Amino acid sequence: MKEIERIIKAGKEEFDIVEPSEGHFDRFRNKLKKDSPGNLFIMKFAAMILAGIFISAAIWIYMDIDKNNDTVTEFTPEIQQTIYYYNSLNWEMESRIMEMPIDDKKEKKKIKEDLDKYEENYNQLINDMLKYPNDERVINAVIEYHRSKSEMLEHIIEQLNQQRRI
């Protein structure tokens, strides 16, 4: 760092070869004074909106996760472990899909919509599980849901990777 400072100080004359035109600094100060109050208000307002959206999203995600965790605790430890495994696997694959470079924005939106529809089916299974907590068919359906979602996500990733290779 000191070496850079020494070089700059030694070559100061080479850097200062052109002076700004007459009144440049006055015009610059006037523009700053003129633009600052409005821009500052807009920036503060945008920051507040962005913070509100972020906080709302965080609360929504926390409440959704908490709701699913309460439901999962109704199962035996083995089934809980299986559901947690598939949830983490599916979450990871969904994140990979959403991060993949997809040229067609409509295709990415369609994938997101399909995943959301698939999630609606899970909510119906959860309602059934709450009504019939000891029904083996409902428990198997929940596990099958997670397994089939995992397979579907793997298939989507495979197709997207093939499209990128072409």
N, C-alpha and C. Protein backbone atom coordinates (compact mmCIF):
# COMPACT_ATOMS: atom_id res chain seq x y z
N MET A 1 0.82 -1.18 0.00
CA MET A 1 0.00 0.00 0.00
C MET A 1 0.87 1.25 0.00
N LYS A 2 1.92 1.24 0.81
CA LYS A 2 2.80 2.40 0.88
C LYS A 2 3.54 2.58 -0.43
N GLU A 3 3.82 1.49 -1.12
CA GLU A 3 4.50 1.56 -2.41
C GLU A 3 3.63 2.29 -3.43
N ILE A 4 2.34 2.00 -3.42
CA ILE A 4 1.41 2.65 -4.34
C ILE A 4 1.33 4.15 -4.04
N GLU A 5 1.25 4.49 -2.76
CA GLU A 5 1.20 5.91 -2.38
C GLU A 5 2.47 6.63 -2.84
N ARG A 6 3.60 5.99 -2.69
CA ARG A 6 4.86 6.61 -3.09
C ARG A 6 4.88 6.85 -4.59
N ILE A 7 4.38 5.87 -5.37
CA ILE A 7 4.36 6.01 -6.83
C ILE A 7 3.43 7.16 -7.23
N ILE A 8 2.27 7.23 -6.60
CA ILE A 8 1.31 8.29 -6.93
C ILE A 8 1.88 9.66 -6.57
N LYS A 9 2.48 9.79 -5.41
CA LYS A 9 3.04 11.08 -5.01
C LYS A 9 4.21 11.47 -5.90
N ALA A 10 4.99 10.49 -6.32
CA ALA A 10 6.14 10.79 -7.18
C ALA A 10 5.69 11.25 -8.56
N GLY A 11 4.57 10.72 -9.04
CA GLY A 11 4.10 11.07 -10.38
C GLY A 11 2.93 12.02 -10.38
N LYS A 12 2.78 12.82 -9.35
CA LYS A 12 1.64 13.71 -9.21
C LYS A 12 1.52 14.68 -10.38
N GLU A 13 2.64 15.18 -10.86
CA GLU A 13 2.61 16.12 -11.98
C GLU A 13 2.04 15.46 -13.24
N GLU A 14 2.30 14.18 -13.43
CA GLU A 14 1.79 13.50 -14.61
C GLU A 14 0.27 13.31 -14.54
N PHE A 15 -0.28 13.18 -13.35
CA PHE A 15 -1.71 12.97 -13.21
C PHE A 15 -2.49 14.27 -13.33
N ASP A 16 -1.94 15.37 -12.89
CA ASP A 16 -2.62 16.66 -12.88
C ASP A 16 -2.30 17.47 -14.13
N ILE A 17 -2.60 16.93 -15.30
CA ILE A 17 -2.25 17.64 -16.54
C ILE A 17 -3.38 18.52 -17.05
N VAL A 18 -4.63 18.23 -16.70
CA VAL A 18 -5.75 19.03 -17.21
C VAL A 18 -6.56 19.54 -16.03
N GLU A 19 -6.80 20.81 -16.00
CA GLU A 19 -7.62 21.44 -14.96
C GLU A 19 -9.06 21.50 -15.47
N PRO A 20 -10.03 21.37 -14.58
CA PRO A 20 -11.42 21.50 -15.00
C PRO A 20 -11.71 22.93 -15.46
N SER A 21 -12.76 23.07 -16.27
CA SER A 21 -13.10 24.39 -16.81
C SER A 21 -13.57 25.32 -15.69
N GLU A 22 -13.59 26.61 -16.01
CA GLU A 22 -13.96 27.64 -15.05
C GLU A 22 -15.37 27.38 -14.52
N GLY A 23 -15.56 27.40 -13.21
CA GLY A 23 -16.88 27.25 -12.59
C GLY A 23 -17.34 25.80 -12.46
N HIS A 24 -16.47 24.84 -12.79
CA HIS A 24 -16.85 23.42 -12.73
C HIS A 24 -17.29 23.00 -11.33
N PHE A 25 -16.51 23.37 -10.34
CA PHE A 25 -16.82 22.95 -8.98
C PHE A 25 -18.10 23.61 -8.46
N ASP A 26 -18.34 24.86 -8.86
CA ASP A 26 -19.58 25.55 -8.46
C ASP A 26 -20.80 24.85 -9.07
N ARG A 27 -20.72 24.51 -10.36
CA ARG A 27 -21.83 23.80 -11.01
C ARG A 27 -22.06 22.44 -10.35
N PHE A 28 -21.00 21.77 -10.01
CA PHE A 28 -21.09 20.45 -9.36
C PHE A 28 -21.78 20.57 -8.00
N ARG A 29 -21.37 21.55 -7.20
CA ARG A 29 -22.00 21.77 -5.88
C ARG A 29 -23.48 22.10 -6.01
N ASN A 30 -23.82 22.94 -7.00
CA ASN A 30 -25.22 23.31 -7.22
C ASN A 30 -26.07 22.09 -7.60
N LYS A 31 -25.53 21.23 -8.42
CA LYS A 31 -26.27 20.02 -8.80
C LYS A 31 -26.46 19.11 -7.59
N LEU A 32 -25.45 19.00 -6.77
CA LEU A 32 -25.58 18.16 -5.57
C LEU A 32 -26.65 18.70 -4.64
N LYS A 33 -26.65 20.01 -4.44
CA LYS A 33 -27.64 20.63 -3.56
C LYS A 33 -29.05 20.46 -4.13
N LYS A 34 -29.17 20.59 -5.43
CA LYS A 34 -30.47 20.54 -6.09
C LYS A 34 -31.04 19.11 -6.08
N ASP A 35 -30.21 18.10 -6.32
CA ASP A 35 -30.69 16.72 -6.45
C ASP A 35 -30.79 15.98 -5.13
N SER A 36 -30.07 16.36 -4.14
CA SER A 36 -29.97 15.58 -2.90
C SER A 36 -31.28 15.35 -2.16
N PRO A 37 -32.07 16.36 -1.82
CA PRO A 37 -33.24 16.11 -0.97
C PRO A 37 -34.23 15.13 -1.59
N GLY A 38 -34.55 15.28 -2.85
CA GLY A 38 -35.51 14.39 -3.50
C GLY A 38 -34.98 12.97 -3.62
N ASN A 39 -33.74 12.84 -4.05
CA ASN A 39 -33.15 11.51 -4.20
C ASN A 39 -33.02 10.80 -2.86
N LEU A 40 -32.67 11.57 -1.85
CA LEU A 40 -32.52 10.98 -0.53
C LEU A 40 -33.85 10.45 -0.02
N PHE A 41 -34.93 11.20 -0.23
CA PHE A 41 -36.26 10.76 0.19
C PHE A 41 -36.65 9.48 -0.56
N ILE A 42 -36.43 9.47 -1.86
CA ILE A 42 -36.77 8.29 -2.66
C ILE A 42 -35.96 7.08 -2.20
N MET A 43 -34.70 7.27 -1.94
CA MET A 43 -33.84 6.16 -1.50
C MET A 43 -34.29 5.63 -0.14
N LYS A 44 -34.65 6.54 0.78
CA LYS A 44 -35.14 6.10 2.10
C LYS A 44 -36.44 5.33 1.95
N PHE A 45 -37.34 5.84 1.12
CA PHE A 45 -38.62 5.19 0.90
C PHE A 45 -38.42 3.80 0.29
N ALA A 46 -37.54 3.70 -0.71
CA ALA A 46 -37.27 2.41 -1.34
C ALA A 46 -36.64 1.45 -0.34
N ALA A 47 -35.77 1.94 0.50
CA ALA A 47 -35.14 1.09 1.51
C ALA A 47 -36.17 0.57 2.51
N MET A 48 -37.12 1.42 2.89
CA MET A 48 -38.16 0.99 3.82
C MET A 48 -39.04 -0.08 3.18
N ILE A 49 -39.40 0.11 1.93
CA ILE A 49 -40.22 -0.89 1.24
C ILE A 49 -39.47 -2.20 1.12
N LEU A 50 -38.21 -2.13 0.74
CA LEU A 50 -37.40 -3.34 0.62
C LEU A 50 -37.26 -4.06 1.95
N ALA A 51 -37.05 -3.32 3.01
CA ALA A 51 -36.94 -3.92 4.35
C ALA A 51 -38.26 -4.57 4.74
N GLY A 52 -39.38 -3.92 4.44
CA GLY A 52 -40.69 -4.48 4.74
C GLY A 52 -40.94 -5.78 4.00
N ILE A 53 -40.56 -5.81 2.72
CA ILE A 53 -40.72 -7.04 1.93
C ILE A 53 -39.85 -8.15 2.50
N PHE A 54 -38.62 -7.82 2.84
CA PHE A 54 -37.71 -8.82 3.40
C PHE A 54 -38.24 -9.39 4.71
N ILE A 55 -38.70 -8.52 5.59
CA ILE A 55 -39.22 -8.97 6.89
C ILE A 55 -40.47 -9.82 6.69
N SER A 56 -41.36 -9.38 5.80
CA SER A 56 -42.57 -10.16 5.53
C SER A 56 -42.24 -11.54 4.99
N ALA A 57 -41.30 -11.61 4.06
CA ALA A 57 -40.90 -12.90 3.50
C ALA A 57 -40.30 -13.79 4.57
N ALA A 58 -39.46 -13.22 5.43
CA ALA A 58 -38.84 -14.02 6.49
C ALA A 58 -39.88 -14.57 7.45
N ILE A 59 -40.86 -13.74 7.81
CA ILE A 59 -41.92 -14.20 8.71
C ILE A 59 -42.75 -15.28 8.04
N TRP A 60 -43.07 -15.09 6.77
CA TRP A 60 -43.88 -16.08 6.04
C TRP A 60 -43.14 -17.41 5.95
N ILE A 61 -41.85 -17.37 5.63
CA ILE A 61 -41.06 -18.60 5.54
C ILE A 61 -40.98 -19.26 6.91
N TYR A 62 -40.74 -18.49 7.95
CA TYR A 62 -40.64 -19.06 9.29
C TYR A 62 -41.95 -19.71 9.71
N MET A 63 -43.06 -19.04 9.45
CA MET A 63 -44.36 -19.59 9.83
C MET A 63 -44.66 -20.85 9.05
N ASP A 64 -44.31 -20.89 7.75
CA ASP A 64 -44.55 -22.06 6.92
C ASP A 64 -43.71 -23.23 7.40
N ILE A 65 -42.44 -22.98 7.70
CA ILE A 65 -41.56 -24.05 8.20
C ILE A 65 -42.06 -24.55 9.54
N ASP A 66 -42.45 -23.62 10.40
CA ASP A 66 -42.93 -24.00 11.73
C ASP A 66 -44.20 -24.85 11.62
N LYS A 67 -45.09 -24.50 10.68
CA LYS A 67 -46.32 -25.26 10.49
C LYS A 67 -45.99 -26.68 10.05
N ASN A 68 -45.06 -26.84 9.10
CA ASN A 68 -44.69 -28.17 8.63
C ASN A 68 -43.99 -28.96 9.72
N ASN A 69 -43.17 -28.32 10.54
CA ASN A 69 -42.49 -29.02 11.61
C ASN A 69 -43.48 -29.54 12.65
N ASP A 70 -44.51 -28.76 12.97
CA ASP A 70 -45.53 -29.21 13.91
C ASP A 70 -46.23 -30.45 13.37
N THR A 71 -46.48 -30.48 12.09
CA THR A 71 -47.16 -31.61 11.48
C THR A 71 -46.26 -32.83 11.50
N VAL A 72 -45.01 -32.66 11.20
CA VAL A 72 -44.09 -33.78 11.12
C VAL A 72 -43.91 -34.45 12.49
N THR A 73 -44.03 -33.69 13.55
CA THR A 73 -43.84 -34.27 14.88
C THR A 73 -44.93 -35.27 15.24
N GLU A 74 -45.99 -35.32 14.45
CA GLU A 74 -47.06 -36.29 14.68
C GLU A 74 -46.60 -37.70 14.31
N PHE A 75 -45.54 -37.83 13.52
CA PHE A 75 -45.07 -39.12 13.03
C PHE A 75 -44.07 -39.74 13.99
N THR A 76 -43.78 -41.01 13.75
CA THR A 76 -42.75 -41.70 14.54
C THR A 76 -41.39 -41.12 14.17
N PRO A 77 -40.38 -41.33 15.02
CA PRO A 77 -39.05 -40.77 14.73
C PRO A 77 -38.48 -41.25 13.38
N GLU A 78 -38.73 -42.49 13.01
CA GLU A 78 -38.21 -43.00 11.73
C GLU A 78 -38.84 -42.27 10.56
N ILE A 79 -40.14 -42.07 10.64
CA ILE A 79 -40.83 -41.38 9.56
C ILE A 79 -40.43 -39.90 9.54
N GLN A 80 -40.26 -39.30 10.70
CA GLN A 80 -39.79 -37.91 10.78
C GLN A 80 -38.44 -37.77 10.09
N GLN A 81 -37.56 -38.72 10.37
CA GLN A 81 -36.23 -38.67 9.79
C GLN A 81 -36.31 -38.79 8.26
N THR A 82 -37.17 -39.65 7.77
CA THR A 82 -37.34 -39.82 6.33
C THR A 82 -37.87 -38.53 5.70
N ILE A 83 -38.86 -37.92 6.34
CA ILE A 83 -39.45 -36.68 5.82
C ILE A 83 -38.41 -35.55 5.83
N TYR A 84 -37.65 -35.44 6.90
CA TYR A 84 -36.61 -34.40 6.96
C TYR A 84 -35.56 -34.62 5.87
N TYR A 85 -35.20 -35.87 5.64
CA TYR A 85 -34.22 -36.18 4.60
C TYR A 85 -34.74 -35.71 3.24
N TYR A 86 -35.97 -36.11 2.91
CA TYR A 86 -36.53 -35.73 1.61
C TYR A 86 -36.75 -34.22 1.52
N ASN A 87 -37.18 -33.59 2.61
CA ASN A 87 -37.36 -32.13 2.57
C ASN A 87 -36.05 -31.42 2.26
N SER A 88 -34.98 -31.83 2.91
CA SER A 88 -33.70 -31.16 2.66
C SER A 88 -33.19 -31.46 1.26
N LEU A 89 -33.36 -32.69 0.80
CA LEU A 89 -32.94 -33.06 -0.55
C LEU A 89 -33.74 -32.27 -1.58
N ASN A 90 -35.05 -32.22 -1.40
CA ASN A 90 -35.91 -31.51 -2.35
C ASN A 90 -35.62 -30.01 -2.33
N TRP A 91 -35.40 -29.46 -1.15
CA TRP A 91 -35.09 -28.03 -1.07
C TRP A 91 -33.81 -27.72 -1.83
N GLU A 92 -32.81 -28.57 -1.65
CA GLU A 92 -31.53 -28.38 -2.34
C GLU A 92 -31.71 -28.45 -3.85
N MET A 93 -32.48 -29.43 -4.32
CA MET A 93 -32.68 -29.57 -5.77
C MET A 93 -33.51 -28.41 -6.32
N GLU A 94 -34.52 -27.94 -5.60
CA GLU A 94 -35.29 -26.78 -6.05
C GLU A 94 -34.40 -25.55 -6.16
N SER A 95 -33.52 -25.38 -5.20
CA SER A 95 -32.59 -24.24 -5.25
C SER A 95 -31.68 -24.35 -6.47
N ARG A 96 -31.18 -25.54 -6.74
CA ARG A 96 -30.33 -25.73 -7.92
C ARG A 96 -31.07 -25.41 -9.21
N ILE A 97 -32.34 -25.84 -9.28
CA ILE A 97 -33.13 -25.57 -10.48
C ILE A 97 -33.32 -24.08 -10.67
N MET A 98 -33.67 -23.37 -9.60
CA MET A 98 -33.93 -21.94 -9.71
C MET A 98 -32.65 -21.14 -9.99
N GLU A 99 -31.50 -21.70 -9.64
CA GLU A 99 -30.23 -21.01 -9.91
C GLU A 99 -29.68 -21.34 -11.29
N MET A 100 -30.20 -22.38 -11.94
CA MET A 100 -29.67 -22.77 -13.24
C MET A 100 -30.00 -21.70 -14.28
N PRO A 101 -29.06 -21.47 -15.20
CA PRO A 101 -29.32 -20.46 -16.24
C PRO A 101 -30.30 -21.02 -17.27
N ILE A 102 -31.53 -20.54 -17.22
CA ILE A 102 -32.56 -20.97 -18.17
C ILE A 102 -32.84 -19.78 -19.08
N ASP A 103 -32.65 -19.99 -20.39
CA ASP A 103 -32.81 -18.90 -21.35
C ASP A 103 -34.24 -18.39 -21.40
N ASP A 104 -35.18 -19.30 -21.42
CA ASP A 104 -36.59 -18.93 -21.54
C ASP A 104 -37.18 -18.65 -20.16
N LYS A 105 -37.51 -17.40 -19.90
CA LYS A 105 -38.07 -17.01 -18.59
C LYS A 105 -39.42 -17.67 -18.36
N LYS A 106 -40.18 -17.90 -19.42
CA LYS A 106 -41.49 -18.55 -19.28
C LYS A 106 -41.32 -19.98 -18.78
N GLU A 107 -40.26 -20.63 -19.23
CA GLU A 107 -40.01 -22.01 -18.81
C GLU A 107 -39.71 -22.06 -17.31
N LYS A 108 -38.90 -21.12 -16.84
CA LYS A 108 -38.58 -21.07 -15.41
C LYS A 108 -39.83 -20.79 -14.58
N LYS A 109 -40.68 -19.89 -15.08
CA LYS A 109 -41.93 -19.58 -14.38
C LYS A 109 -42.84 -20.81 -14.36
N LYS A 110 -42.90 -21.55 -15.45
CA LYS A 110 -43.73 -22.75 -15.52
C LYS A 110 -43.24 -23.81 -14.54
N ILE A 111 -41.94 -23.95 -14.42
CA ILE A 111 -41.38 -24.91 -13.47
C ILE A 111 -41.80 -24.52 -12.05
N LYS A 112 -41.69 -23.23 -11.72
CA LYS A 112 -42.07 -22.75 -10.39
C LYS A 112 -43.56 -23.00 -10.12
N GLU A 113 -44.40 -22.73 -11.12
CA GLU A 113 -45.83 -22.97 -10.96
C GLU A 113 -46.13 -24.46 -10.73
N ASP A 114 -45.45 -25.32 -11.49
CA ASP A 114 -45.64 -26.76 -11.32
C ASP A 114 -45.23 -27.23 -9.93
N LEU A 115 -44.13 -26.69 -9.44
CA LEU A 115 -43.69 -27.05 -8.09
C LEU A 115 -44.70 -26.56 -7.04
N ASP A 116 -45.26 -25.39 -7.26
CA ASP A 116 -46.27 -24.87 -6.33
C ASP A 116 -47.53 -25.74 -6.34
N LYS A 117 -47.94 -26.20 -7.52
CA LYS A 117 -49.11 -27.09 -7.61
C LYS A 117 -48.83 -28.40 -6.90
N TYR A 118 -47.63 -28.89 -7.07
CA TYR A 118 -47.25 -30.14 -6.42
C TYR A 118 -47.31 -29.97 -4.90
N GLU A 119 -46.93 -28.79 -4.43
CA GLU A 119 -46.96 -28.50 -2.99
C GLU A 119 -48.39 -28.46 -2.46
N GLU A 120 -49.36 -28.05 -3.29
CA GLU A 120 -50.76 -28.05 -2.88
C GLU A 120 -51.22 -29.46 -2.53
N ASN A 121 -50.75 -30.45 -3.29
CA ASN A 121 -51.09 -31.84 -2.99
C ASN A 121 -50.57 -32.24 -1.62
N TYR A 122 -49.40 -31.76 -1.27
CA TYR A 122 -48.83 -32.08 0.03
C TYR A 122 -49.69 -31.49 1.15
N ASN A 123 -50.18 -30.29 0.94
CA ASN A 123 -51.04 -29.67 1.95
C ASN A 123 -52.30 -30.50 2.18
N GLN A 124 -52.84 -31.09 1.11
CA GLN A 124 -54.01 -31.96 1.26
C GLN A 124 -53.63 -33.21 2.05
N LEU A 125 -52.45 -33.76 1.80
CA LEU A 125 -51.99 -34.92 2.55
C LEU A 125 -51.84 -34.58 4.04
N ILE A 126 -51.34 -33.40 4.32
CA ILE A 126 -51.17 -32.98 5.72
C ILE A 126 -52.53 -32.89 6.40
N ASN A 127 -53.52 -32.34 5.69
CA ASN A 127 -54.87 -32.27 6.26
C ASN A 127 -55.41 -33.67 6.55
N ASP A 128 -55.17 -34.60 5.62
CA ASP A 128 -55.61 -35.99 5.84
C ASP A 128 -54.88 -36.59 7.04
N MET A 129 -53.59 -36.29 7.16
CA MET A 129 -52.81 -36.83 8.26
C MET A 129 -53.33 -36.33 9.61
N LEU A 130 -53.74 -35.05 9.63
CA LEU A 130 -54.28 -34.50 10.87
C LEU A 130 -55.62 -35.14 11.23
N LYS A 131 -56.40 -35.50 10.21
CA LYS A 131 -57.69 -36.16 10.47
C LYS A 131 -57.49 -37.62 10.90
N TYR A 132 -56.53 -38.29 10.26
CA TYR A 132 -56.30 -39.71 10.51
C TYR A 132 -54.82 -39.96 10.84
N PRO A 133 -54.37 -39.57 12.02
CA PRO A 133 -52.94 -39.63 12.35
C PRO A 133 -52.35 -41.04 12.39
N ASN A 134 -53.16 -42.04 12.61
CA ASN A 134 -52.62 -43.40 12.72
C ASN A 134 -52.88 -44.24 11.48
N ASP A 135 -53.40 -43.64 10.43
CA ASP A 135 -53.71 -44.39 9.21
C ASP A 135 -52.42 -44.63 8.41
N GLU A 136 -52.09 -45.87 8.26
CA GLU A 136 -50.85 -46.27 7.56
C GLU A 136 -50.85 -45.79 6.11
N ARG A 137 -52.02 -45.74 5.48
CA ARG A 137 -52.11 -45.31 4.08
C ARG A 137 -51.71 -43.84 3.94
N VAL A 138 -52.12 -43.02 4.88
CA VAL A 138 -51.78 -41.60 4.82
C VAL A 138 -50.28 -41.42 5.04
N ILE A 139 -49.73 -42.15 5.98
CA ILE A 139 -48.29 -42.06 6.26
C ILE A 139 -47.50 -42.48 5.01
N ASN A 140 -47.92 -43.58 4.38
CA ASN A 140 -47.25 -44.03 3.16
C ASN A 140 -47.41 -43.01 2.04
N ALA A 141 -48.56 -42.36 1.97
CA ALA A 141 -48.78 -41.35 0.93
C ALA A 141 -47.85 -40.16 1.13
N VAL A 142 -47.64 -39.76 2.38
CA VAL A 142 -46.73 -38.65 2.67
C VAL A 142 -45.31 -39.01 2.23
N ILE A 143 -44.86 -40.21 2.58
CA ILE A 143 -43.52 -40.64 2.18
C ILE A 143 -43.42 -40.75 0.67
N GLU A 144 -44.44 -41.29 0.04
CA GLU A 144 -44.45 -41.43 -1.42
C GLU A 144 -44.44 -40.06 -2.10
N TYR A 145 -45.14 -39.11 -1.51
CA TYR A 145 -45.13 -37.75 -2.05
C TYR A 145 -43.70 -37.23 -2.10
N HIS A 146 -42.99 -37.34 -0.98
CA HIS A 146 -41.62 -36.82 -0.92
C HIS A 146 -40.70 -37.56 -1.89
N ARG A 147 -40.85 -38.85 -1.99
CA ARG A 147 -40.01 -39.64 -2.89
C ARG A 147 -40.29 -39.26 -4.34
N SER A 148 -41.57 -39.14 -4.71
CA SER A 148 -41.90 -38.82 -6.10
C SER A 148 -41.50 -37.38 -6.44
N LYS A 149 -41.60 -36.46 -5.48
CA LYS A 149 -41.15 -35.09 -5.74
C LYS A 149 -39.65 -35.07 -5.98
N SER A 150 -38.93 -35.85 -5.21
CA SER A 150 -37.49 -35.93 -5.39
C SER A 150 -37.15 -36.46 -6.78
N GLU A 151 -37.86 -37.49 -7.21
CA GLU A 151 -37.63 -38.05 -8.55
C GLU A 151 -37.97 -37.02 -9.63
N MET A 152 -39.06 -36.29 -9.44
CA MET A 152 -39.46 -35.27 -10.41
C MET A 152 -38.39 -34.18 -10.51
N LEU A 153 -37.87 -33.73 -9.37
CA LEU A 153 -36.84 -32.70 -9.38
C LEU A 153 -35.56 -33.19 -10.05
N GLU A 154 -35.19 -34.45 -9.79
CA GLU A 154 -34.03 -35.03 -10.47
C GLU A 154 -34.23 -35.04 -11.97
N HIS A 155 -35.44 -35.38 -12.40
CA HIS A 155 -35.76 -35.43 -13.83
C HIS A 155 -35.66 -34.02 -14.45
N ILE A 156 -36.17 -33.01 -13.75
CA ILE A 156 -36.10 -31.63 -14.25
C ILE A 156 -34.64 -31.20 -14.39
N ILE A 157 -33.83 -31.48 -13.37
CA ILE A 157 -32.41 -31.12 -13.42
C ILE A 157 -31.72 -31.82 -14.59
N GLU A 158 -32.04 -33.08 -14.78
CA GLU A 158 -31.44 -33.85 -15.88
C GLU A 158 -31.82 -33.24 -17.22
N GLN A 159 -33.08 -32.87 -17.40
CA GLN A 159 -33.53 -32.26 -18.66
C GLN A 159 -32.86 -30.91 -18.89
N LEU A 160 -32.76 -30.10 -17.84
CA LEU A 160 -32.13 -28.79 -17.98
C LEU A 160 -30.65 -28.93 -18.33
N ASN A 161 -29.98 -29.91 -17.73
CA ASN A 161 -28.57 -30.16 -18.05
C ASN A 161 -28.42 -30.62 -19.50
N GLN A 162 -29.34 -31.44 -19.99
CA GLN A 162 -29.27 -31.87 -21.38
C GLN A 162 -29.49 -30.70 -22.34
N GLN A 163 -30.41 -29.79 -22.00
CA GLN A 163 -30.64 -28.61 -22.84
C GLN A 163 -29.40 -27.73 -22.90
N ARG A 164 -28.68 -27.63 -21.78
CA ARG A 164 -27.47 -26.80 -21.77
C ARG A 164 -26.38 -27.41 -22.63
N ARG A 165 -26.34 -28.74 -22.70
CA ARG A 165 -25.29 -29.40 -23.51
C ARG A 165 -25.55 -29.25 -25.00
N ILE A 166 -26.81 -29.10 -25.37
CA ILE A 166 -27.15 -29.05 -26.81
C ILE A 166 -26.73 -27.74 -27.42
